[in-house]
N, C-alpha and C. Protein backbone atom coordinates (compact mmCIF):
# COMPACT_ATOMS: atom_id res chain seq x y z
N MET A 1 -235.21 60.08 157.21
CA MET A 1 -233.76 59.35 156.69
C MET A 1 -233.16 58.59 157.28
N LEU A 2 -233.16 57.68 157.25
CA LEU A 2 -232.61 55.94 157.92
C LEU A 2 -230.97 56.44 158.15
N ILE A 3 -229.78 56.53 158.56
CA ILE A 3 -228.98 57.10 159.18
C ILE A 3 -228.23 55.35 159.48
N VAL A 4 -227.49 55.13 158.61
CA VAL A 4 -226.69 53.38 158.64
C VAL A 4 -224.94 53.67 158.81
N ALA A 5 -223.94 53.86 159.82
CA ALA A 5 -223.36 53.47 159.52
C ALA A 5 -222.06 52.56 159.62
N GLY A 6 -221.50 52.88 158.09
CA GLY A 6 -220.47 51.70 157.36
C GLY A 6 -219.82 50.76 158.88
N LEU A 7 -219.45 49.99 158.62
CA LEU A 7 -218.51 49.73 159.51
C LEU A 7 -216.67 48.38 158.87
N SER A 8 -215.81 48.62 159.15
CA SER A 8 -214.76 47.70 158.56
C SER A 8 -214.41 46.53 159.99
N LEU A 9 -214.55 44.81 159.73
CA LEU A 9 -213.42 44.51 160.71
C LEU A 9 -212.34 44.88 160.91
N LYS A 10 -211.29 45.90 160.04
CA LYS A 10 -210.11 46.05 160.33
C LYS A 10 -210.63 47.10 161.14
N ASN A 11 -211.66 47.86 161.93
CA ASN A 11 -210.86 49.13 162.07
C ASN A 11 -212.23 49.05 162.49
N LEU A 12 -213.19 49.62 164.17
CA LEU A 12 -213.93 49.11 164.18
C LEU A 12 -214.56 50.68 164.61
N LYS A 13 -213.00 51.62 164.74
CA LYS A 13 -213.59 53.13 165.61
C LYS A 13 -213.66 53.79 164.84
N PRO A 14 -213.85 54.76 164.40
CA PRO A 14 -214.95 55.58 165.71
C PRO A 14 -216.18 54.84 166.71
N ARG A 15 -216.36 54.63 167.32
CA ARG A 15 -217.66 53.74 167.58
C ARG A 15 -218.77 54.57 167.78
N VAL A 16 -218.78 55.55 166.09
CA VAL A 16 -220.25 56.19 166.18
C VAL A 16 -221.84 55.85 166.82
N TRP A 17 -222.05 54.39 166.96
CA TRP A 17 -223.46 54.04 166.96
C TRP A 17 -223.26 53.66 169.06
N ASP A 18 -222.23 53.94 170.58
CA ASP A 18 -222.43 53.38 170.78
C ASP A 18 -222.33 55.32 171.95
N LYS A 19 -223.35 55.13 172.66
CA LYS A 19 -223.37 55.82 174.02
C LYS A 19 -222.62 56.91 174.51
N THR A 20 -221.37 55.80 174.74
CA THR A 20 -220.44 55.94 175.83
C THR A 20 -219.40 56.32 174.81
N SER A 21 -219.44 56.35 173.66
CA SER A 21 -217.99 56.68 173.42
C SER A 21 -218.21 58.73 172.60
N PRO A 22 -216.77 59.33 172.68
CA PRO A 22 -216.99 60.30 172.69
C PRO A 22 -217.36 60.30 171.39
N HIS A 23 -217.14 59.79 170.15
CA HIS A 23 -217.69 59.92 168.87
C HIS A 23 -218.90 59.70 168.73
N TYR A 24 -219.96 59.27 169.49
CA TYR A 24 -221.05 58.82 169.61
C TYR A 24 -222.18 59.97 168.67
N LEU A 25 -222.60 59.37 167.42
CA LEU A 25 -223.16 60.61 166.71
C LEU A 25 -224.86 59.93 166.60
N PRO A 26 -225.85 60.78 167.71
CA PRO A 26 -226.79 60.79 167.60
C PRO A 26 -228.26 60.57 166.08
N GLY A 27 -228.82 60.21 166.22
CA GLY A 27 -229.60 59.83 165.21
C GLY A 27 -229.00 58.21 164.15
N ILE A 28 -228.16 57.80 164.36
CA ILE A 28 -227.48 56.03 164.02
C ILE A 28 -228.40 55.10 164.45
N GLU A 29 -229.02 54.78 163.62
CA GLU A 29 -230.25 53.39 163.81
C GLU A 29 -229.84 52.40 163.59
N ALA A 30 -228.29 51.91 162.69
CA ALA A 30 -228.06 50.73 162.06
C ALA A 30 -226.48 51.00 161.58
N VAL A 31 -226.08 49.73 161.70
CA VAL A 31 -224.90 50.19 161.26
C VAL A 31 -224.36 48.90 160.27
N MET A 32 -223.55 48.52 158.95
CA MET A 32 -223.87 47.63 157.92
C MET A 32 -222.01 47.00 157.77
N VAL A 33 -222.09 45.80 157.81
CA VAL A 33 -220.84 45.50 157.62
C VAL A 33 -220.58 44.44 156.57
N SER A 34 -220.09 43.91 155.39
CA SER A 34 -219.65 43.26 154.86
C SER A 34 -219.25 42.16 155.29
N TYR A 35 -219.93 40.79 154.25
CA TYR A 35 -219.66 39.42 154.28
C TYR A 35 -218.63 39.27 154.11
N ALA A 36 -217.71 40.18 152.66
CA ALA A 36 -216.50 39.65 152.35
C ALA A 36 -215.89 40.11 153.64
N ASP A 37 -215.57 40.84 154.14
CA ASP A 37 -214.75 41.13 155.73
C ASP A 37 -214.31 39.98 156.06
N PHE A 38 -215.77 39.23 156.79
CA PHE A 38 -215.65 38.32 157.41
C PHE A 38 -215.21 37.01 156.66
N HIS A 39 -215.73 36.70 155.30
CA HIS A 39 -215.32 35.87 154.14
C HIS A 39 -213.55 35.73 154.16
N LYS A 40 -213.21 37.00 154.20
CA LYS A 40 -211.30 37.30 154.66
C LYS A 40 -210.75 36.98 155.43
N MET A 41 -211.54 36.77 156.16
CA MET A 41 -210.84 37.17 158.08
C MET A 41 -211.75 35.61 158.79
N ALA A 42 -211.15 34.29 158.65
CA ALA A 42 -211.66 32.42 158.58
C ALA A 42 -212.41 32.80 160.32
N VAL A 43 -211.03 33.85 161.53
CA VAL A 43 -210.94 33.43 163.17
C VAL A 43 -212.20 34.15 163.45
N GLN A 44 -212.72 35.83 162.59
CA GLN A 44 -213.89 36.71 163.04
C GLN A 44 -214.63 36.29 162.44
N ARG A 45 -215.31 35.29 161.30
CA ARG A 45 -216.52 34.94 160.71
C ARG A 45 -216.58 33.68 161.88
N GLN A 46 -216.12 32.53 161.99
CA GLN A 46 -216.09 32.29 163.24
C GLN A 46 -216.72 32.45 163.70
N ALA A 47 -216.31 33.72 165.28
CA ALA A 47 -216.34 34.42 166.42
C ALA A 47 -217.50 35.04 165.75
N ALA A 48 -217.96 35.51 165.52
CA ALA A 48 -219.21 36.35 164.83
C ALA A 48 -220.36 34.90 165.15
N MET A 49 -220.24 33.82 164.24
CA MET A 49 -221.04 32.59 164.04
C MET A 49 -221.76 32.27 165.51
N THR A 50 -220.49 32.28 166.19
CA THR A 50 -220.62 32.05 167.35
C THR A 50 -221.47 32.20 168.12
N VAL A 51 -221.32 33.82 168.48
CA VAL A 51 -221.48 34.79 169.57
C VAL A 51 -222.66 35.56 168.99
N GLY A 52 -222.76 35.44 167.94
CA GLY A 52 -224.27 36.67 167.20
C GLY A 52 -223.03 38.18 166.50
N LEU A 53 -223.46 38.88 165.30
CA LEU A 53 -223.66 39.73 165.28
C LEU A 53 -223.07 41.19 166.26
N HIS A 54 -224.44 40.92 167.15
CA HIS A 54 -224.18 42.48 168.22
C HIS A 54 -223.28 42.03 168.54
N GLU A 55 -222.91 40.78 169.65
CA GLU A 55 -221.98 40.81 170.42
C GLU A 55 -221.18 40.54 170.54
N TYR A 56 -220.70 40.07 168.81
CA TYR A 56 -219.19 39.82 168.31
C TYR A 56 -218.69 41.57 168.59
N LEU A 57 -220.15 42.82 167.63
CA LEU A 57 -219.44 43.41 167.23
C LEU A 57 -219.53 45.09 168.41
N GLY A 58 -220.21 44.90 169.47
CA GLY A 58 -220.46 45.43 170.77
C GLY A 58 -221.19 45.99 170.03
N VAL A 59 -222.82 45.69 169.36
CA VAL A 59 -223.50 47.00 169.18
C VAL A 59 -224.70 46.90 169.55
N SER A 60 -225.00 47.17 170.76
CA SER A 60 -226.69 47.20 170.85
C SER A 60 -227.50 46.90 170.26
N LYS A 61 -228.76 45.86 170.76
CA LYS A 61 -229.87 45.39 170.18
C LYS A 61 -231.03 46.57 169.86
N ASP A 62 -231.35 47.70 170.80
CA ASP A 62 -231.69 48.85 169.11
C ASP A 62 -230.96 49.29 168.47
N ILE A 63 -229.56 48.52 168.19
CA ILE A 63 -229.09 49.48 166.59
C ILE A 63 -228.94 48.27 165.90
N LYS A 64 -229.42 48.53 164.95
CA LYS A 64 -229.77 47.16 163.62
C LYS A 64 -228.81 47.24 163.26
N ILE A 65 -228.29 45.86 162.94
CA ILE A 65 -226.72 45.35 161.83
C ILE A 65 -227.66 44.75 160.51
N TYR A 66 -226.99 45.51 159.65
CA TYR A 66 -227.09 45.59 158.12
C TYR A 66 -225.66 44.49 157.64
N LEU A 67 -226.29 43.89 156.86
CA LEU A 67 -224.79 43.12 156.39
C LEU A 67 -225.35 43.10 154.94
N ASP A 68 -224.15 43.16 154.10
CA ASP A 68 -224.41 43.03 153.06
C ASP A 68 -223.74 41.73 152.14
N ASN A 69 -224.50 41.25 151.18
CA ASN A 69 -223.22 39.77 150.45
C ASN A 69 -221.79 39.95 150.42
N GLY A 70 -221.34 41.27 150.59
CA GLY A 70 -220.10 41.42 149.57
C GLY A 70 -219.87 41.03 147.74
N ALA A 71 -221.14 41.37 147.30
CA ALA A 71 -221.68 41.56 146.45
C ALA A 71 -219.63 42.36 145.02
N PHE A 72 -219.66 43.56 145.47
CA PHE A 72 -218.65 43.59 144.74
C PHE A 72 -216.96 43.66 145.35
N TYR A 73 -217.07 43.34 146.27
CA TYR A 73 -216.51 42.43 146.33
C TYR A 73 -216.01 40.91 145.42
N PHE A 74 -216.77 40.13 145.88
CA PHE A 74 -216.99 39.01 145.23
C PHE A 74 -216.58 38.75 143.61
N LEU A 75 -217.52 40.08 143.57
CA LEU A 75 -217.52 40.45 141.23
C LEU A 75 -215.78 40.67 141.13
N THR A 76 -215.01 41.75 141.64
CA THR A 76 -213.31 41.74 141.13
C THR A 76 -213.17 40.16 141.87
N HIS A 77 -212.53 39.75 142.73
CA HIS A 77 -212.21 38.63 143.52
C HIS A 77 -212.80 37.35 142.60
N ASP A 78 -213.45 36.85 143.49
CA ASP A 78 -214.23 35.77 142.60
C ASP A 78 -215.53 34.90 142.12
N GLY A 79 -215.53 35.94 141.61
CA GLY A 79 -216.47 35.64 140.81
C GLY A 79 -218.26 36.15 140.79
N GLU A 80 -218.33 35.33 142.56
CA GLU A 80 -220.00 35.86 143.48
C GLU A 80 -219.95 35.18 144.59
N THR A 81 -220.87 35.68 145.08
CA THR A 81 -220.76 35.38 146.90
C THR A 81 -221.57 34.06 147.03
N PRO A 82 -220.17 33.29 147.42
CA PRO A 82 -220.13 32.15 147.96
C PRO A 82 -221.30 31.60 148.65
N LYS A 83 -222.57 31.05 148.04
CA LYS A 83 -224.04 31.37 148.54
C LYS A 83 -224.20 29.96 149.56
N GLU A 84 -223.55 28.89 149.68
CA GLU A 84 -223.39 28.31 151.16
C GLU A 84 -222.97 28.80 152.06
N ALA A 85 -221.59 29.38 151.56
CA ALA A 85 -220.84 29.67 152.77
C ALA A 85 -221.61 31.67 154.07
N TYR A 86 -222.02 31.59 152.90
CA TYR A 86 -222.80 33.32 152.90
C TYR A 86 -224.21 32.92 153.99
N GLU A 87 -225.10 32.05 153.48
CA GLU A 87 -225.93 31.54 154.23
C GLU A 87 -226.05 30.78 155.50
N GLU A 88 -224.84 30.13 155.25
CA GLU A 88 -224.46 29.60 156.68
C GLU A 88 -224.50 30.60 157.75
N PHE A 89 -223.64 32.24 157.30
CA PHE A 89 -222.92 32.89 157.57
C PHE A 89 -224.40 33.56 158.65
N VAL A 90 -225.08 34.00 157.60
CA VAL A 90 -225.98 34.52 158.66
C VAL A 90 -226.93 33.76 158.94
N ASP A 91 -227.01 32.62 158.81
CA ASP A 91 -228.42 32.00 159.96
C ASP A 91 -227.79 31.89 161.50
N LYS A 92 -226.20 31.88 161.20
CA LYS A 92 -225.52 31.19 162.64
C LYS A 92 -225.52 33.05 163.50
N ALA A 93 -225.00 34.25 163.30
CA ALA A 93 -224.26 35.48 163.07
C ALA A 93 -225.40 36.55 163.34
N LYS A 94 -226.86 36.24 162.59
CA LYS A 94 -227.76 36.58 163.19
C LYS A 94 -228.69 38.24 162.52
N PRO A 95 -227.48 38.51 161.79
CA PRO A 95 -228.16 40.11 161.55
C PRO A 95 -229.22 40.38 161.73
N ASP A 96 -230.14 41.47 161.68
CA ASP A 96 -231.18 42.45 161.24
C ASP A 96 -231.95 42.38 159.29
N TRP A 97 -230.63 42.67 158.99
CA TRP A 97 -230.80 42.58 157.76
C TRP A 97 -230.30 42.41 156.77
N TRP A 98 -230.45 41.47 155.21
CA TRP A 98 -229.70 41.14 154.97
C TRP A 98 -229.75 40.71 153.21
N PRO A 99 -229.33 40.79 152.10
CA PRO A 99 -229.72 39.95 150.89
C PRO A 99 -229.67 38.76 150.95
N ILE A 100 -230.26 37.88 150.27
CA ILE A 100 -229.94 36.66 150.30
C ILE A 100 -230.41 36.65 148.43
N VAL A 101 -229.07 35.82 147.84
CA VAL A 101 -228.84 35.40 146.46
C VAL A 101 -229.66 34.39 146.47
N ASN A 102 -230.83 34.32 145.27
CA ASN A 102 -231.55 32.98 144.73
C ASN A 102 -231.01 32.84 143.51
N SER A 103 -230.37 33.56 143.18
CA SER A 103 -229.80 33.07 141.76
C SER A 103 -228.93 34.27 141.09
N SER A 104 -228.09 33.79 139.96
CA SER A 104 -227.10 35.18 139.51
C SER A 104 -227.90 36.03 139.05
N GLU A 105 -229.71 35.89 138.97
CA GLU A 105 -230.04 36.90 137.82
C GLU A 105 -231.27 38.16 139.06
N GLU A 106 -231.42 37.64 140.25
CA GLU A 106 -232.60 38.15 141.49
C GLU A 106 -232.02 37.88 142.80
N VAL A 107 -232.68 38.68 143.36
CA VAL A 107 -232.74 39.32 145.46
C VAL A 107 -233.68 39.03 146.17
N SER A 108 -233.68 39.41 146.81
CA SER A 108 -234.51 39.65 148.20
C SER A 108 -233.78 39.73 149.55
N MET A 109 -234.62 40.42 149.88
CA MET A 109 -233.97 41.26 151.43
C MET A 109 -234.96 40.57 151.41
N ASN A 110 -234.09 41.00 153.33
CA ASN A 110 -235.03 40.07 154.17
C ASN A 110 -234.18 40.34 155.46
N TYR A 111 -235.75 40.34 156.37
CA TYR A 111 -235.64 40.89 157.37
C TYR A 111 -235.59 39.26 158.74
N SER A 112 -234.55 40.42 159.83
CA SER A 112 -235.51 38.87 161.05
C SER A 112 -236.83 39.07 161.60
N ASP A 113 -237.63 40.23 160.89
CA ASP A 113 -238.60 39.30 161.73
C ASP A 113 -239.93 38.58 160.61
N GLY A 114 -239.15 38.35 159.09
CA GLY A 114 -239.75 37.78 158.36
C GLY A 114 -239.80 38.47 157.87
N ALA A 115 -240.29 39.76 157.17
CA ALA A 115 -240.35 40.63 156.25
C ALA A 115 -239.53 40.29 155.07
N THR A 116 -240.16 40.23 154.10
CA THR A 116 -239.28 40.18 152.69
C THR A 116 -239.27 41.27 151.81
N GLN A 117 -238.84 41.64 150.58
CA GLN A 117 -239.14 42.09 149.73
C GLN A 117 -238.18 42.11 148.49
N ARG A 118 -238.86 41.87 147.24
CA ARG A 118 -237.64 41.56 146.58
C ARG A 118 -238.11 42.31 145.23
N PRO A 119 -237.30 43.87 145.49
CA PRO A 119 -237.19 44.85 144.65
C PRO A 119 -237.28 44.50 143.45
N ASP A 120 -237.97 44.24 142.47
CA ASP A 120 -238.12 44.49 140.99
C ASP A 120 -236.76 43.22 140.00
N ARG A 121 -236.55 42.60 140.83
CA ARG A 121 -235.78 41.68 140.49
C ARG A 121 -234.28 42.31 140.10
N VAL A 122 -233.97 42.71 141.72
CA VAL A 122 -232.41 43.75 141.30
C VAL A 122 -231.30 42.31 140.84
N PRO A 123 -230.36 42.80 139.99
CA PRO A 123 -229.34 41.88 139.70
C PRO A 123 -228.00 41.69 141.23
N ALA A 124 -228.09 40.43 141.31
CA ALA A 124 -228.14 39.96 142.40
C ALA A 124 -226.43 40.49 143.02
N ILE A 125 -225.72 39.89 141.65
CA ILE A 125 -223.73 40.59 141.23
C ILE A 125 -224.04 41.57 140.38
N LEU A 126 -223.82 43.02 140.76
CA LEU A 126 -223.86 44.26 140.19
C LEU A 126 -223.05 44.51 139.09
N ARG A 127 -222.80 44.63 137.95
CA ARG A 127 -221.83 44.29 136.57
C ARG A 127 -221.88 45.86 136.28
N VAL A 128 -220.30 46.52 137.10
CA VAL A 128 -219.98 47.82 136.75
C VAL A 128 -219.95 48.08 135.45
N GLN A 129 -220.18 47.95 133.87
CA GLN A 129 -220.62 49.03 132.91
C GLN A 129 -220.31 50.40 132.96
N ALA A 130 -221.71 51.17 134.01
CA ALA A 130 -221.39 51.84 133.33
C ALA A 130 -220.61 53.54 134.28
N PRO A 131 -220.19 54.66 134.31
CA PRO A 131 -219.64 55.24 135.03
C PRO A 131 -220.30 55.36 136.76
N LEU A 132 -219.66 54.95 137.02
CA LEU A 132 -220.01 55.34 138.48
C LEU A 132 -220.56 56.95 138.72
N SER A 133 -221.21 56.75 139.83
CA SER A 133 -221.77 58.02 139.92
C SER A 133 -219.94 58.93 141.03
N PRO A 134 -220.22 60.48 140.90
CA PRO A 134 -219.07 61.20 140.87
C PRO A 134 -219.02 61.29 142.79
N LEU A 135 -219.97 60.90 143.22
CA LEU A 135 -220.46 60.60 144.90
C LEU A 135 -220.10 59.32 146.09
N CYS A 136 -219.59 57.97 144.37
CA CYS A 136 -219.19 57.24 144.68
C CYS A 136 -217.13 57.06 144.70
N GLY A 137 -217.37 56.57 146.08
CA GLY A 137 -215.31 56.35 145.71
C GLY A 137 -215.34 54.74 145.30
N GLY A 138 -215.70 54.63 144.94
CA GLY A 138 -215.44 52.84 143.69
C GLY A 138 -216.18 51.79 144.32
N PRO A 139 -216.10 50.18 143.85
CA PRO A 139 -217.32 49.61 143.62
C PRO A 139 -217.30 49.43 145.02
N GLU A 140 -216.25 49.27 145.36
CA GLU A 140 -216.90 49.02 147.41
C GLU A 140 -217.08 49.48 148.43
N THR A 141 -217.27 50.82 147.70
CA THR A 141 -218.27 51.40 148.86
C THR A 141 -218.90 52.14 148.53
N CYS A 142 -219.99 51.89 146.75
CA CYS A 142 -221.22 52.16 146.41
C CYS A 142 -222.56 51.53 146.74
N CYS A 143 -222.98 51.98 147.01
CA CYS A 143 -225.35 51.44 147.18
C CYS A 143 -225.89 51.64 146.67
N LEU A 144 -226.73 50.98 146.68
CA LEU A 144 -228.01 51.18 145.76
C LEU A 144 -229.02 52.17 146.49
N PRO A 145 -229.67 52.38 146.63
CA PRO A 145 -230.51 53.38 147.79
C PRO A 145 -232.24 51.96 148.10
N ARG A 146 -232.08 52.38 149.24
CA ARG A 146 -233.26 51.33 150.45
C ARG A 146 -234.75 51.43 148.71
């Protein structure tokens, strides 16, 4: 099982991925951040694009950084992920994994090593029409299985 810690730019503590942290959790292989956080914080967005996500977040290269496209945030605020700004961020900030929106109907999963997956045309912007799982705290905290 792959263990991924979700991060918020508003508070990067506890640093569960950091071996020097008293909160370190062995087995963490990746962290995930949302593009929506960077979209809302222009200074942080620019800094991450300047130095890259690993350096900006203080995450060692042996820990992967996954970037989600903020689809739930944008669905409930702006309608859809701003594709050009998102792609510029991916290009400059260099996450290890990120979903790319090809159109409003499909998404590709991309990896920094060039691999791509297209999981049966998963909707790029998930429309919350059915009740959410009881394990889910709401649209901002839900995710699809790998």
